[in-house]
Amino acid sequence: MQKAGIIDEFYFSLLGQNAARKRTINLEALGVPSHDLSELDAPFSEEEVWSSIKMLPPNKAPEPDGFTGRFYQACWPIIKKEVIEAISAVWSESAIKP
């Protein structure tokens, strides 16, 4: 519990606290369009991941694993399940929330 307090205190001193605003901007009155951003929380599909892998340069390795784009492209049928699971784990609520 003491570690959590130290971490909280560090970030509180770094970021400060949310102060009440004296004025606000009415975006509706300005005619700023609103956008439905709910799809940003959707998990990545296999097609999205494969599309990104196809765009990787074949002779360069994205850090930190050292595997080249050619490796990911050539081995996709073999590694696809594990790659999708890893990406899903990173972006799942259980990975983001404590």
PDB file of N, CA and C in Angstrom:
ATOM      1  N   MET A   1       0.829  -1.196   0.000  1.00  0.00           N
ATOM      2  CA  MET A   1       0.000   0.000   0.000  1.00  0.00           C
ATOM      3  C   MET A   1       0.870   1.256   0.000  1.00  0.00           C
ATOM      4  N   GLN A   2       2.017   1.183   0.653  1.00  0.00           N
ATOM      5  CA  GLN A   2       2.905   2.340   0.712  1.00  0.00           C
ATOM      6  C   GLN A   2       3.429   2.690  -0.681  1.00  0.00           C
ATOM      7  N   LYS A   3       3.714   1.663  -1.506  1.00  0.00           N
ATOM      8  CA  LYS A   3       4.195   1.918  -2.865  1.00  0.00           C
ATOM      9  C   LYS A   3       3.138   2.665  -3.675  1.00  0.00           C
ATOM     10  N   ALA A   4       1.892   2.250  -3.542  1.00  0.00           N
ATOM     11  CA  ALA A   4       0.814   2.905  -4.278  1.00  0.00           C
ATOM     12  C   ALA A   4       0.718   4.374  -3.890  1.00  0.00           C
ATOM     13  N   GLY A   5       0.871   4.676  -2.607  1.00  0.00           N
ATOM     14  CA  GLY A   5       0.827   6.058  -2.143  1.00  0.00           C
ATOM     15  C   GLY A   5       1.962   6.887  -2.722  1.00  0.00           C
ATOM     16  N   ILE A   6       3.139   6.303  -2.796  1.00  0.00           N
ATOM     17  CA  ILE A   6       4.302   6.997  -3.350  1.00  0.00           C
ATOM     18  C   ILE A   6       4.086   7.278  -4.842  1.00  0.00           C
ATOM     19  N   ILE A   7       3.553   6.302  -5.554  1.00  0.00           N
ATOM     20  CA  ILE A   7       3.289   6.484  -6.983  1.00  0.00           C
ATOM     21  C   ILE A   7       2.219   7.544  -7.193  1.00  0.00           C
ATOM     22  N   ASP A   8       1.146   7.471  -6.415  1.00  0.00           N
ATOM     23  CA  ASP A   8       0.083   8.482  -6.516  1.00  0.00           C
ATOM     24  C   ASP A   8       0.635   9.880  -6.255  1.00  0.00           C
ATOM     25  N   GLU A   9       1.442  10.012  -5.224  1.00  0.00           N
ATOM     26  CA  GLU A   9       2.006  11.319  -4.873  1.00  0.00           C
ATOM     27  C   GLU A   9       2.914  11.848  -5.979  1.00  0.00           C
ATOM     28  N   PHE A  10       3.709  10.942  -6.579  1.00  0.00           N
ATOM     29  CA  PHE A  10       4.607  11.354  -7.661  1.00  0.00           C
ATOM     30  C   PHE A  10       3.815  11.930  -8.823  1.00  0.00           C
ATOM     31  N   TYR A  11       2.802  11.200  -9.291  1.00  0.00           N
ATOM     32  CA  TYR A  11       2.032  11.671 -10.445  1.00  0.00           C
ATOM     33  C   TYR A  11       1.162  12.870 -10.102  1.00  0.00           C
ATOM     34  N   PHE A  12       0.680  12.946  -8.885  1.00  0.00           N
ATOM     35  CA  PHE A  12      -0.090  14.112  -8.479  1.00  0.00           C
ATOM     36  C   PHE A  12       0.788  15.360  -8.534  1.00  0.00           C
ATOM     37  N   SER A  13       2.033  15.248  -8.047  1.00  0.00           N
ATOM     38  CA  SER A  13       2.930  16.412  -8.090  1.00  0.00           C
ATOM     39  C   SER A  13       3.356  16.729  -9.519  1.00  0.00           C
ATOM     40  N   LEU A  14       3.430  15.705 -10.354  1.00  0.00           N
ATOM     41  CA  LEU A  14       3.822  15.893 -11.745  1.00  0.00           C
ATOM     42  C   LEU A  14       2.690  16.519 -12.569  1.00  0.00           C
ATOM     43  N   LEU A  15       1.482  16.018 -12.379  1.00  0.00           N
ATOM     44  CA  LEU A  15       0.358  16.443 -13.203  1.00  0.00           C
ATOM     45  C   LEU A  15      -0.501  17.523 -12.566  1.00  0.00           C
ATOM     46  N   GLY A  16      -0.447  17.659 -11.258  1.00  0.00           N
ATOM     47  CA  GLY A  16      -1.298  18.633 -10.574  1.00  0.00           C
ATOM     48  C   GLY A  16      -2.706  18.099 -10.424  1.00  0.00           C
ATOM     49  N   GLN A  17      -3.616  18.965 -10.105  1.00  0.00           N
ATOM     50  CA  GLN A  17      -5.001  18.525  -9.951  1.00  0.00           C
ATOM     51  C   GLN A  17      -5.907  19.297 -10.895  1.00  0.00           C
ATOM     52  N   ASN A  18      -7.052  18.754 -11.129  1.00  0.00           N
ATOM     53  CA  ASN A  18      -8.021  19.351 -12.034  1.00  0.00           C
ATOM     54  C   ASN A  18      -8.697  20.535 -11.345  1.00  0.00           C
ATOM     55  N   ALA A  19      -8.493  21.711 -11.884  1.00  0.00           N
ATOM     56  CA  ALA A  19      -9.087  22.911 -11.295  1.00  0.00           C
ATOM     57  C   ALA A  19     -10.427  23.205 -11.974  1.00  0.00           C
ATOM     58  N   ALA A  20     -11.336  23.792 -11.235  1.00  0.00           N
ATOM     59  CA  ALA A  20     -12.627  24.176 -11.803  1.00  0.00           C
ATOM     60  C   ALA A  20     -12.410  25.312 -12.803  1.00  0.00           C
ATOM     61  N   ARG A  21     -13.113  25.251 -13.903  1.00  0.00           N
ATOM     62  CA  ARG A  21     -12.976  26.279 -14.932  1.00  0.00           C
ATOM     63  C   ARG A  21     -13.981  27.400 -14.697  1.00  0.00           C
ATOM     64  N   LYS A  22     -13.549  28.601 -15.015  1.00  0.00           N
ATOM     65  CA  LYS A  22     -14.437  29.754 -14.891  1.00  0.00           C
ATOM     66  C   LYS A  22     -15.289  29.909 -16.133  1.00  0.00           C
ATOM     67  N   ARG A  23     -14.753  29.452 -17.270  1.00  0.00           N
ATOM     68  CA  ARG A  23     -15.479  29.561 -18.533  1.00  0.00           C
ATOM     69  C   ARG A  23     -15.372  28.232 -19.276  1.00  0.00           C
ATOM     70  N   THR A  24     -16.367  27.948 -20.077  1.00  0.00           N
ATOM     71  CA  THR A  24     -16.340  26.766 -20.925  1.00  0.00           C
ATOM     72  C   THR A  24     -16.729  27.163 -22.344  1.00  0.00           C
ATOM     73  N   ILE A  25     -16.457  26.288 -23.273  1.00  0.00           N
ATOM     74  CA  ILE A  25     -16.795  26.532 -24.667  1.00  0.00           C
ATOM     75  C   ILE A  25     -17.945  25.604 -25.041  1.00  0.00           C
ATOM     76  N   ASN A  26     -18.988  26.166 -25.595  1.00  0.00           N
ATOM     77  CA  ASN A  26     -20.122  25.387 -26.053  1.00  0.00           C
ATOM     78  C   ASN A  26     -19.850  24.989 -27.505  1.00  0.00           C
ATOM     79  N   LEU A  27     -19.376  23.755 -27.698  1.00  0.00           N
ATOM     80  CA  LEU A  27     -19.012  23.310 -29.035  1.00  0.00           C
ATOM     81  C   LEU A  27     -20.234  23.174 -29.940  1.00  0.00           C
ATOM     82  N   GLU A  28     -21.378  22.861 -29.374  1.00  0.00           N
ATOM     83  CA  GLU A  28     -22.595  22.762 -30.180  1.00  0.00           C
ATOM     84  C   GLU A  28     -22.940  24.114 -30.806  1.00  0.00           C
ATOM     85  N   ALA A  29     -22.751  25.200 -30.049  1.00  0.00           N
ATOM     86  CA  ALA A  29     -23.046  26.533 -30.572  1.00  0.00           C
ATOM     87  C   ALA A  29     -22.072  26.914 -31.688  1.00  0.00           C
ATOM     88  N   LEU A  30     -20.873  26.352 -31.667  1.00  0.00           N
ATOM     89  CA  LEU A  30     -19.887  26.647 -32.705  1.00  0.00           C
ATOM     90  C   LEU A  30     -20.106  25.808 -33.962  1.00  0.00           C
ATOM     91  N   GLY A  31     -20.983  24.827 -33.868  1.00  0.00           N
ATOM     92  CA  GLY A  31     -21.248  23.974 -35.029  1.00  0.00           C
ATOM     93  C   GLY A  31     -20.178  22.930 -35.269  1.00  0.00           C
ATOM     94  N   VAL A  32     -19.409  22.593 -34.243  1.00  0.00           N
ATOM     95  CA  VAL A  32     -18.386  21.563 -34.376  1.00  0.00           C
ATOM     96  C   VAL A  32     -19.090  20.210 -34.435  1.00  0.00           C
ATOM     97  N   PRO A  33     -18.857  19.444 -35.494  1.00  0.00           N
ATOM     98  CA  PRO A  33     -19.555  18.164 -35.605  1.00  0.00           C
ATOM     99  C   PRO A  33     -19.045  17.161 -34.571  1.00  0.00           C
ATOM    100  N   SER A  34     -19.948  16.323 -34.101  1.00  0.00           N
ATOM    101  CA  SER A  34     -19.537  15.263 -33.186  1.00  0.00           C
ATOM    102  C   SER A  34     -19.317  13.991 -33.994  1.00  0.00           C
ATOM    103  N   HIS A  35     -18.478  13.130 -33.499  1.00  0.00           N
ATOM    104  CA  HIS A  35     -18.137  11.897 -34.195  1.00  0.00           C
ATOM    105  C   HIS A  35     -18.342  10.718 -33.263  1.00  0.00           C
ATOM    106  N   ASP A  36     -18.852   9.641 -33.793  1.00  0.00           N
ATOM    107  CA  ASP A  36     -19.001   8.412 -33.025  1.00  0.00           C
ATOM    108  C   ASP A  36     -17.650   7.705 -33.015  1.00  0.00           C
ATOM    109  N   LEU A  37     -17.011   7.682 -31.867  1.00  0.00           N
ATOM    110  CA  LEU A  37     -15.683   7.086 -31.738  1.00  0.00           C
ATOM    111  C   LEU A  37     -15.723   5.733 -31.036  1.00  0.00           C
ATOM    112  N   SER A  38     -16.906   5.161 -30.913  1.00  0.00           N
ATOM    113  CA  SER A  38     -17.050   3.905 -30.167  1.00  0.00           C
ATOM    114  C   SER A  38     -16.262   2.765 -30.808  1.00  0.00           C
ATOM    115  N   GLU A  39     -16.060   2.809 -32.122  1.00  0.00           N
ATOM    116  CA  GLU A  39     -15.315   1.737 -32.777  1.00  0.00           C
ATOM    117  C   GLU A  39     -13.835   1.731 -32.397  1.00  0.00           C
ATOM    118  N   LEU A  40     -13.348   2.811 -31.816  1.00  0.00           N
ATOM    119  CA  LEU A  40     -11.948   2.848 -31.393  1.00  0.00           C
ATOM    120  C   LEU A  40     -11.676   1.877 -30.257  1.00  0.00           C
ATOM    121  N   ASP A  41     -12.725   1.505 -29.528  1.00  0.00           N
ATOM    122  CA  ASP A  41     -12.580   0.544 -28.430  1.00  0.00           C
ATOM    123  C   ASP A  41     -12.749  -0.896 -28.886  1.00  0.00           C
ATOM    124  N   ALA A  42     -13.095  -1.114 -30.146  1.00  0.00           N
ATOM    125  CA  ALA A  42     -13.310  -2.464 -30.668  1.00  0.00           C
ATOM    126  C   ALA A  42     -11.969  -3.180 -30.802  1.00  0.00           C
ATOM    127  N   PRO A  43     -11.952  -4.483 -30.566  1.00  0.00           N
ATOM    128  CA  PRO A  43     -10.701  -5.238 -30.738  1.00  0.00           C
ATOM    129  C   PRO A  43     -10.271  -5.237 -32.205  1.00  0.00           C
ATOM    130  N   PHE A  44      -8.980  -5.399 -32.427  1.00  0.00           N
ATOM    131  CA  PHE A  44      -8.466  -5.455 -33.788  1.00  0.00           C
ATOM    132  C   PHE A  44      -8.923  -6.751 -34.445  1.00  0.00           C
ATOM    133  N   SER A  45      -9.300  -6.657 -35.707  1.00  0.00           N
ATOM    134  CA  SER A  45      -9.683  -7.864 -36.440  1.00  0.00           C
ATOM    135  C   SER A  45      -8.437  -8.490 -37.064  1.00  0.00           C
ATOM    136  N   GLU A  46      -8.566  -9.751 -37.432  1.00  0.00           N
ATOM    137  CA  GLU A  46      -7.458 -10.434 -38.098  1.00  0.00           C
ATOM    138  C   GLU A  46      -7.091  -9.726 -39.398  1.00  0.00           C
ATOM    139  N   GLU A  47      -8.087  -9.203 -40.103  1.00  0.00           N
ATOM    140  CA  GLU A  47      -7.839  -8.511 -41.363  1.00  0.00           C
ATOM    141  C   GLU A  47      -7.044  -7.223 -41.139  1.00  0.00           C
ATOM    142  N   GLU A  48      -7.355  -6.503 -40.060  1.00  0.00           N
ATOM    143  CA  GLU A  48      -6.615  -5.267 -39.764  1.00  0.00           C
ATOM    144  C   GLU A  48      -5.161  -5.567 -39.450  1.00  0.00           C
ATOM    145  N   VAL A  49      -4.926  -6.618 -38.667  1.00  0.00           N
ATOM    146  CA  VAL A  49      -3.553  -6.982 -38.304  1.00  0.00           C
ATOM    147  C   VAL A  49      -2.792  -7.424 -39.547  1.00  0.00           C
ATOM    148  N   TRP A  50      -3.405  -8.273 -40.364  1.00  0.00           N
ATOM    149  CA  TRP A  50      -2.751  -8.749 -41.585  1.00  0.00           C
ATOM    150  C   TRP A  50      -2.460  -7.596 -42.535  1.00  0.00           C
ATOM    151  N   SER A  51      -3.376  -6.661 -42.639  1.00  0.00           N
ATOM    152  CA  SER A  51      -3.160  -5.493 -43.491  1.00  0.00           C
ATOM    153  C   SER A  51      -1.937  -4.707 -43.025  1.00  0.00           C
ATOM    154  N   SER A  52      -1.786  -4.556 -41.728  1.00  0.00           N
ATOM    155  CA  SER A  52      -0.616  -3.847 -41.185  1.00  0.00           C
ATOM    156  C   SER A  52       0.665  -4.624 -41.433  1.00  0.00           C
ATOM    157  N   ILE A  53       0.600  -5.938 -41.274  1.00  0.00           N
ATOM    158  CA  ILE A  53       1.791  -6.768 -41.489  1.00  0.00           C
ATOM    159  C   ILE A  53       2.215  -6.716 -42.956  1.00  0.00           C
ATOM    160  N   LYS A  54       1.266  -6.688 -43.867  1.00  0.00           N
ATOM    161  CA  LYS A  54       1.609  -6.610 -45.292  1.00  0.00           C
ATOM    162  C   LYS A  54       2.325  -5.315 -45.625  1.00  0.00           C
ATOM    163  N   MET A  55       2.102  -4.261 -44.848  1.00  0.00           N
ATOM    164  CA  MET A  55       2.746  -2.969 -45.118  1.00  0.00           C
ATOM    165  C   MET A  55       4.132  -2.857 -44.484  1.00  0.00           C
ATOM    166  N   LEU A  56       4.539  -3.837 -43.663  1.00  0.00           N
ATOM    167  CA  LEU A  56       5.866  -3.777 -43.044  1.00  0.00           C
ATOM    168  C   LEU A  56       6.952  -3.892 -44.114  1.00  0.00           C
ATOM    169  N   PRO A  57       8.021  -3.105 -43.993  1.00  0.00           N
ATOM    170  CA  PRO A  57       9.132  -3.259 -44.937  1.00  0.00           C
ATOM    171  C   PRO A  57       9.757  -4.649 -44.759  1.00  0.00           C
ATOM    172  N   PRO A  58      10.011  -5.373 -45.839  1.00  0.00           N
ATOM    173  CA  PRO A  58      10.460  -6.761 -45.710  1.00  0.00           C
ATOM    174  C   PRO A  58      11.837  -6.934 -45.071  1.00  0.00           C
ATOM    175  N   ASN A  59      12.715  -5.970 -45.219  1.00  0.00           N
ATOM    176  CA  ASN A  59      14.085  -6.141 -44.726  1.00  0.00           C
ATOM    177  C   ASN A  59      14.373  -5.365 -43.450  1.00  0.00           C
ATOM    178  N   LYS A  60      13.348  -4.821 -42.812  1.00  0.00           N
ATOM    179  CA  LYS A  60      13.549  -4.083 -41.571  1.00  0.00           C
ATOM    180  C   LYS A  60      12.800  -4.787 -40.453  1.00  0.00           C
ATOM    181  N   ALA A  61      13.344  -4.692 -39.255  1.00  0.00           N
ATOM    182  CA  ALA A  61      12.744  -5.361 -38.103  1.00  0.00           C
ATOM    183  C   ALA A  61      12.165  -4.338 -37.147  1.00  0.00           C
ATOM    184  N   PRO A  62      10.853  -4.400 -36.896  1.00  0.00           N
ATOM    185  CA  PRO A  62      10.293  -3.520 -35.875  1.00  0.00           C
ATOM    186  C   PRO A  62      10.813  -3.976 -34.513  1.00  0.00           C
ATOM    187  N   GLU A  63      11.231  -3.053 -33.716  1.00  0.00           N
ATOM    188  CA  GLU A  63      11.778  -3.381 -32.398  1.00  0.00           C
ATOM    189  C   GLU A  63      10.694  -3.952 -31.519  1.00  0.00           C
ATOM    190  N   PRO A  64      10.953  -4.635 -30.477  1.00  0.00           N
ATOM    191  CA  PRO A  64      12.253  -5.082 -29.987  1.00  0.00           C
ATOM    192  C   PRO A  64      12.589  -6.513 -30.376  1.00  0.00           C
ATOM    193  N   ASP A  65      11.699  -7.228 -31.109  1.00  0.00           N
ATOM    194  CA  ASP A  65      11.923  -8.657 -31.327  1.00  0.00           C
ATOM    195  C   ASP A  65      12.961  -8.984 -32.393  1.00  0.00           C
ATOM    196  N   GLY A  66      13.214  -8.088 -33.326  1.00  0.00           N
ATOM    197  CA  GLY A  66      14.224  -8.321 -34.344  1.00  0.00           C
ATOM    198  C   GLY A  66      13.738  -9.109 -35.548  1.00  0.00           C
ATOM    199  N   PHE A  67      12.469  -9.521 -35.559  1.00  0.00           N
ATOM    200  CA  PHE A  67      11.937 -10.236 -36.709  1.00  0.00           C
ATOM    201  C   PHE A  67      11.576  -9.235 -37.806  1.00  0.00           C
ATOM    202  N   THR A  68      11.936  -9.574 -39.025  1.00  0.00           N
ATOM    203  CA  THR A  68      11.680  -8.674 -40.149  1.00  0.00           C
ATOM    204  C   THR A  68      10.233  -8.787 -40.625  1.00  0.00           C
ATOM    205  N   GLY A  69       9.843  -7.810 -41.423  1.00  0.00           N
ATOM    206  CA  GLY A  69       8.523  -7.855 -42.029  1.00  0.00           C
ATOM    207  C   GLY A  69       8.362  -9.108 -42.881  1.00  0.00           C
ATOM    208  N   ARG A  70       9.433  -9.508 -43.548  1.00  0.00           N
ATOM    209  CA  ARG A  70       9.383 -10.724 -44.376  1.00  0.00           C
ATOM    210  C   ARG A  70       9.047 -11.943 -43.521  1.00  0.00           C
ATOM    211  N   PHE A  71       9.613 -12.019 -42.302  1.00  0.00           N
ATOM    212  CA  PHE A  71       9.300 -13.129 -41.403  1.00  0.00           C
ATOM    213  C   PHE A  71       7.814 -13.162 -41.081  1.00  0.00           C
ATOM    214  N   TYR A  72       7.275 -12.012 -40.646  1.00  0.00           N
ATOM    215  CA  TYR A  72       5.849 -11.965 -40.295  1.00  0.00           C
ATOM    216  C   TYR A  72       4.971 -12.321 -41.491  1.00  0.00           C
ATOM    217  N   GLN A  73       5.344 -11.846 -42.680  1.00  0.00           N
ATOM    218  CA  GLN A  73       4.543 -12.107 -43.878  1.00  0.00           C
ATOM    219  C   GLN A  73       4.627 -13.577 -44.291  1.00  0.00           C
ATOM    220  N   ALA A  74       5.823 -14.144 -44.277  1.00  0.00           N
ATOM    221  CA  ALA A  74       6.002 -15.532 -44.707  1.00  0.00           C
ATOM    222  C   ALA A  74       5.435 -16.523 -43.699  1.00  0.00           C
ATOM    223  N   CYS A  75       5.528 -16.194 -42.433  1.00  0.00           N
ATOM    224  CA  CYS A  75       5.097 -17.123 -41.375  1.00  0.00           C
ATOM    225  C   CYS A  75       3.693 -16.846 -40.863  1.00  0.00           C
ATOM    226  N   TRP A  76       2.988 -15.914 -41.474  1.00  0.00           N
ATOM    227  CA  TRP A  76       1.673 -15.519 -40.987  1.00  0.00           C
ATOM    228  C   TRP A  76       0.724 -16.694 -40.748  1.00  0.00           C
ATOM    229  N   PRO A  77       0.624 -17.661 -41.667  1.00  0.00           N
ATOM    230  CA  PRO A  77      -0.290 -18.773 -41.404  1.00  0.00           C
ATOM    231  C   PRO A  77       0.068 -19.560 -40.138  1.00  0.00           C
ATOM    232  N   ILE A  78       1.337 -19.570 -39.787  1.00  0.00           N
ATOM    233  CA  ILE A  78       1.793 -20.326 -38.621  1.00  0.00           C
ATOM    234  C   ILE A  78       1.650 -19.507 -37.332  1.00  0.00           C
ATOM    235  N   ILE A  79       1.979 -18.217 -37.387  1.00  0.00           N
ATOM    236  CA  ILE A  79       2.037 -17.387 -36.173  1.00  0.00           C
ATOM    237  C   ILE A  79       0.794 -16.543 -35.941  1.00  0.00           C
ATOM    238  N   LYS A  80      -0.126 -16.562 -36.890  1.00  0.00           N
ATOM    239  CA  LYS A  80      -1.295 -15.672 -36.838  1.00  0.00           C
ATOM    240  C   LYS A  80      -2.058 -15.787 -35.521  1.00  0.00           C
ATOM    241  N   LYS A  81      -2.337 -16.988 -35.066  1.00  0.00           N
ATOM    242  CA  LYS A  81      -3.131 -17.185 -33.849  1.00  0.00           C
ATOM    243  C   LYS A  81      -2.455 -16.531 -32.651  1.00  0.00           C
ATOM    244  N   GLU A  82      -1.166 -16.762 -32.492  1.00  0.00           N
ATOM    245  CA  GLU A  82      -0.437 -16.210 -31.349  1.00  0.00           C
ATOM    246  C   GLU A  82      -0.309 -14.692 -31.437  1.00  0.00           C
ATOM    247  N   VAL A  83      -0.094 -14.168 -32.629  1.00  0.00           N
ATOM    248  CA  VAL A  83       0.021 -12.712 -32.798  1.00  0.00           C
ATOM    249  C   VAL A  83      -1.311 -12.043 -32.448  1.00  0.00           C
ATOM    250  N   ILE A  84      -2.409 -12.595 -32.958  1.00  0.00           N
ATOM    251  CA  ILE A  84      -3.731 -12.038 -32.661  1.00  0.00           C
ATOM    252  C   ILE A  84      -4.001 -12.119 -31.158  1.00  0.00           C
ATOM    253  N   GLU A  85      -3.659 -13.225 -30.518  1.00  0.00           N
ATOM    254  CA  GLU A  85      -3.865 -13.367 -29.074  1.00  0.00           C
ATOM    255  C   GLU A  85      -3.033 -12.349 -28.295  1.00  0.00           C
ATOM    256  N   ALA A  86      -1.797 -12.126 -28.728  1.00  0.00           N
ATOM    257  CA  ALA A  86      -0.937 -11.150 -28.042  1.00  0.00           C
ATOM    258  C   ALA A  86      -1.490  -9.742 -28.179  1.00  0.00           C
ATOM    259  N   ILE A  87      -1.923  -9.388 -29.369  1.00  0.00           N
ATOM    260  CA  ILE A  87      -2.485  -8.050 -29.585  1.00  0.00           C
ATOM    261  C   ILE A  87      -3.776  -7.888 -28.791  1.00  0.00           C
ATOM    262  N   SER A  88      -4.604  -8.912 -28.776  1.00  0.00           N
ATOM    263  CA  SER A  88      -5.853  -8.860 -28.014  1.00  0.00           C
ATOM    264  C   SER A  88      -5.585  -8.717 -26.525  1.00  0.00           C
ATOM    265  N   ALA A  89      -4.566  -9.395 -26.019  1.00  0.00           N
ATOM    266  CA  ALA A  89      -4.230  -9.311 -24.601  1.00  0.00           C
ATOM    267  C   ALA A  89      -3.774  -7.905 -24.229  1.00  0.00           C
ATOM    268  N   VAL A  90      -3.005  -7.286 -25.099  1.00  0.00           N
ATOM    269  CA  VAL A  90      -2.517  -5.938 -24.823  1.00  0.00           C
ATOM    270  C   VAL A  90      -3.670  -4.949 -24.782  1.00  0.00           C
ATOM    271  N   TRP A  91      -4.625  -5.094 -25.680  1.00  0.00           N
ATOM    272  CA  TRP A  91      -5.712  -4.139 -25.789  1.00  0.00           C
ATOM    273  C   TRP A  91      -6.962  -4.515 -25.014  1.00  0.00           C
ATOM    274  N   SER A  92      -6.953  -5.658 -24.339  1.00  0.00           N
ATOM    275  CA  SER A  92      -8.142  -6.054 -23.584  1.00  0.00           C
ATOM    276  C   SER A  92      -8.280  -5.213 -22.331  1.00  0.00           C
ATOM    277  N   GLU A  93      -9.457  -5.180 -21.797  1.00  0.00           N
ATOM    278  CA  GLU A  93      -9.714  -4.389 -20.579  1.00  0.00           C
ATOM    279  C   GLU A  93      -8.897  -4.912 -19.414  1.00  0.00           C
ATOM    280  N   SER A  94      -8.693  -6.225 -19.348  1.00  0.00           N
ATOM    281  CA  SER A  94      -7.941  -6.774 -18.227  1.00  0.00           C
ATOM    282  C   SER A  94      -6.481  -6.347 -18.261  1.00  0.00           C
ATOM    283  N   ALA A  95      -5.946  -6.085 -19.448  1.00  0.00           N
ATOM    284  CA  ALA A  95      -4.551  -5.647 -19.554  1.00  0.00           C
ATOM    285  C   ALA A  95      -4.433  -4.162 -19.248  1.00  0.00           C
ATOM    286  N   ILE A  96      -5.486  -3.388 -19.504  1.00  0.00           N
ATOM    287  CA  ILE A  96      -5.429  -1.944 -19.319  1.00  0.00           C
ATOM    288  C   ILE A  96      -5.786  -1.553 -17.898  1.00  0.00           C
ATOM    289  N   LYS A  97      -6.795  -2.200 -17.327  1.00  0.00           N
ATOM    290  CA  LYS A  97      -7.256  -1.850 -15.990  1.00  0.00           C
ATOM    291  C   LYS A  97      -6.482  -2.633 -14.940  1.00  0.00           C
ATOM    292  N   PRO A  98      -6.183  -2.006 -13.807  1.00  0.00           N
ATOM    293  CA  PRO A  98      -5.461  -2.723 -12.751  1.00  0.00           C
ATOM    294  C   PRO A  98      -6.326  -3.773 -12.094  1.00  0.00           C
TER     295      PRO A  98
END
